[in-house]
């Protein structure tokens, strides 16, 4: 009996763990890269143990307060009710779940685990689309990119939000069957990401057209995939907006939307045309009372931006330049040198930085950033030449979305973190050029031979990476 039960357990382990062991043996570089990512983050984690302030920035205190008082999300008259309207529950619940409410180092360690998930998703997606070399380049960039490295060492929502967004992109771009199931899961991930960072609220405007384009088959099949994405996206987002309406008569996911539209949207537009203006002058130009409702602020700010198109365009262009081109030196200095500022009016810089360390950090960040953009540009051109137009559109759309999410002077490298996986995927695609050209030449030769025998040209695919088998043709053959 004992030997029989041991044989059964051994067979069960073999069936359950066998495929994972084979996959691990086939992808040793992934585990090496994850080890590098863990090592770099461990160095920063240990560096901050003596000074926990190195794990915090201006937003961290709000997240930690809500994580310690989750009941604020249920009571309309809680002392933290205004803060609960400002910050959705996604990241505070995550902090509570991992036990990081009173120990920021635990939250930072959890960010390291999320980084491993992000690296793995990007690696698998790049390997499925373009091969092993592209996968290694993509994963390595995400493991060592300084801006992502610095923000993963802070108790803020960027790392969790980036993992959720990349998970949705993975489900949309990876080739495979059952598009409705994959699109519904992608919509749920984006909806959950909005409850982590409301900045993702309009991301379906980029992803749904790409999903429609990438879904092969009839218009009905594309409509079903897009509809399931939006339906599952609306579940968490609509539920939370309804909660805010019932509790506080605010039909928004977060009041931070109205604040950003007023101060960073309309305010940046006015500053681009008129120069520096005070908060009182801004309110006066918006005709905004002191205690106006957030929904009124949204309409007033949107109207002001529409009435000042030149200033609005300038503000968004300035914000995109700061977001996409800023090296992120200030955040890296905080994580390495410490001394977190206490006032939002103070730039995110240590008060007494080490000039030598600051210069070294800046040089490293600039080298990585320039290399990343050069590789991403080459990858985009390669995909375009291969007629992978939908892939290029989705990845560039995600990059542009986050680049334009912070207009004016508020734009900085933090907003680039969720776009970094898309940049890394484009950079990985740059490794496929020579091999793809050679294989394309071989395909052309074989097609020529086949056409001479079958008296007809071989039919080529549409080149978007989402080809599906034709069972009828296969049976005929």
Foldseek 3Di string as FASTA:
>chain_A
DVVVVVVVVVVVCCVVCVVVVVVCVVCVLLVVLLVLLVVLLVVLLVLCPVPVLLQEAQCLVLLLVCLVVVCCLVALPDPCVQSCQAAFCLLSVVCNVQVNSPPSSSQLVVLSVLLSLLLVLLLVLLCQQFRNQLSSQLSNLSSPQLQNSLNSSYSALLSVLLSLQSQLVSLQQHADDDLQVSLLSSLLSLLSSCSRPVLSVCVCVQRLVLSLVLDDDDNVSSVSSSVSSPVNSCVNQQVQLVSCCVSPVGSHNHLVVLVQLQCQQLVQLCCQPPNDDDPVVSCVVLVHDPDDHSVSSVVSSVVSCVVRVVSRVQQLVVLLCQALVALNLLSSQCSNVNQHDDDPVDPSHHPDGDVVVSVVSVVVSNVSSVLLQVLLVLLLVQLVVLQLVSLSSSLVVLQSSLSRSGTHPVRHHSSNSSSSSSSSSSSSSNVRRVVVVVVVVVVVVVQVVVCVVVVDGDDDDNRNSHDDDDVVVVVVD
